[in-house]
Amino acid sequence: MLSECSYKPMCVENCTWCSVAFQYPEVFMTDNCDKEKGALQEIWPNAHQYLCHFHIMQAEWRWLCDSKNAVLQEKRQELMRLFQKVLNNKIR
């Protein structure tokens, strides 16, 4: 079925493989990989890019646990909870 689509920027020409015609993907959610983000920006410059909350939290936990940052082990969970509150805070 995928072979029916010529894979121009995401079915620009309303191919039968897609049920909806659109010019480009509007949103991408990625980790913080510069190469991936750069490729998406190059191909679909008008699309919005967002970072995945899971990957943000994973990076924060790794930072907290990295010995070079000297974060006390007994403080890590509390700092993680505070970071999660900040991340999930809605801006009004």
Foldseek 3Di string as FASTA:
>chain_A
DCVQDPPQQPQCPVTPVDPDHDNHAQEDEEAPDPVVVVVCCVRPVNHYYHYDPVNVLVVLLVCCPDVVNVRDPVCSVVVSVVVVCVVPDDDD
